[in-house]
Protein backbone atom coordinates (compact mmCIF):
# COMPACT_ATOMS: atom_id res chain seq x y z
CA SER A 1 18.45 -14.78 53.02
CA GLN A 2 20.97 -16.42 51.21
CA ALA A 3 23.35 -15.71 54.10
CA GLY A 4 21.23 -17.05 56.55
CA PHE A 5 19.30 -14.17 57.94
CA ASP A 6 15.63 -14.39 58.69
CA VAL A 7 13.99 -11.67 56.26
CA THR A 8 11.02 -10.25 56.09
CA GLY A 9 9.43 -8.32 53.28
CA LEU A 10 6.81 -5.58 53.46
CA ASP A 11 4.85 -3.81 51.12
CA LEU A 12 1.65 -1.57 50.91
CA SER A 13 0.89 -3.36 47.73
CA ALA A 14 -0.51 -6.97 47.74
CA ASP A 15 0.55 -7.59 44.21
CA MET A 16 4.05 -6.58 44.61
CA LEU A 17 4.07 -8.78 47.44
CA LYS A 18 2.66 -11.48 45.36
CA ILE A 19 5.87 -10.80 43.03
CA ALA A 20 8.11 -11.10 45.96
CA GLU A 21 7.03 -14.30 46.87
CA LYS A 22 7.18 -15.98 43.73
CA ARG A 23 10.65 -14.43 42.80
CA ALA A 24 11.53 -15.67 46.48
CA THR A 25 10.40 -19.23 46.11
CA SER A 26 12.07 -19.32 42.68
CA ALA A 27 15.23 -18.70 44.34
CA LYS A 28 14.53 -20.62 47.04
CA GLN A 29 14.60 -18.27 49.71
CA LYS A 30 12.88 -18.41 52.99
CA ILE A 31 11.27 -14.74 53.27
CA ALA A 32 8.25 -13.64 55.22
CA PHE A 33 5.80 -11.28 53.83
CA ILE A 34 3.43 -8.71 55.19
CA GLU A 35 1.34 -6.07 54.15
CA GLY A 36 1.21 -2.95 55.87
CA ASN A 37 2.53 0.77 55.60
CA MET A 38 6.06 1.70 56.23
CA LEU A 39 3.78 4.49 58.13
CA ASN A 40 2.97 2.17 60.52
CA LEU A 41 5.47 -0.79 61.33
CA SER A 42 4.20 -1.57 64.61
CA LYS A 43 2.80 -4.89 63.23
CA ALA A 44 5.94 -5.62 61.65
CA GLY A 45 7.66 -6.88 65.09
CA LYS A 46 11.05 -6.18 66.14
CA TYR A 47 14.67 -5.90 63.99
CA ASP A 48 18.21 -5.81 64.10
CA PHE A 49 18.73 -4.52 60.88
CA VAL A 50 16.09 -2.24 58.66
CA THR A 51 16.77 -0.92 55.37
CA CYS A 52 14.28 0.59 52.37
CA TYR A 53 14.90 -0.45 49.35
CA SER A 54 14.73 1.37 45.94
CA ASP A 55 13.04 4.98 46.42
CA SER A 56 10.04 4.21 48.90
CA ILE A 57 10.84 7.03 51.00
CA CYS A 58 10.22 9.31 48.14
CA TYR A 59 6.53 8.62 48.41
CA MET A 60 6.05 10.10 51.57
CA GLN A 61 3.77 13.23 51.19
CA ASP A 62 5.94 15.58 53.26
CA GLU A 63 9.08 15.82 55.61
CA VAL A 64 6.88 14.96 58.51
CA GLU A 65 6.23 11.79 56.94
CA VAL A 66 9.99 10.79 56.42
CA GLY A 67 10.50 11.53 60.29
CA ASP A 68 7.84 9.39 60.88
CA VAL A 69 8.47 6.33 58.94
CA PHE A 70 12.46 6.94 60.63
CA LYS A 71 10.99 7.01 64.02
CA ASP A 72 9.55 3.76 63.81
CA VAL A 73 12.34 2.09 61.80
CA TYR A 74 14.47 3.18 65.26
CA ASN A 75 11.84 1.52 67.42
CA ALA A 76 11.72 -2.01 64.81
């Protein structure tokens, strides 16, 4: 968001989203946050660019779920 992009953060954990919101506010950054699962990105909307921060993809149960995430990201 510092570079002028519209930014949305998605996390399964409401607690992690609260931390992220506090950090964004402290940094004076306008970021939308959505509580959701990367296995179902249909609520998140359409985006020009999607990234997966840190090791989130490692929490998928198997290769099928990893493939599902990549399909959802492609469609986002």
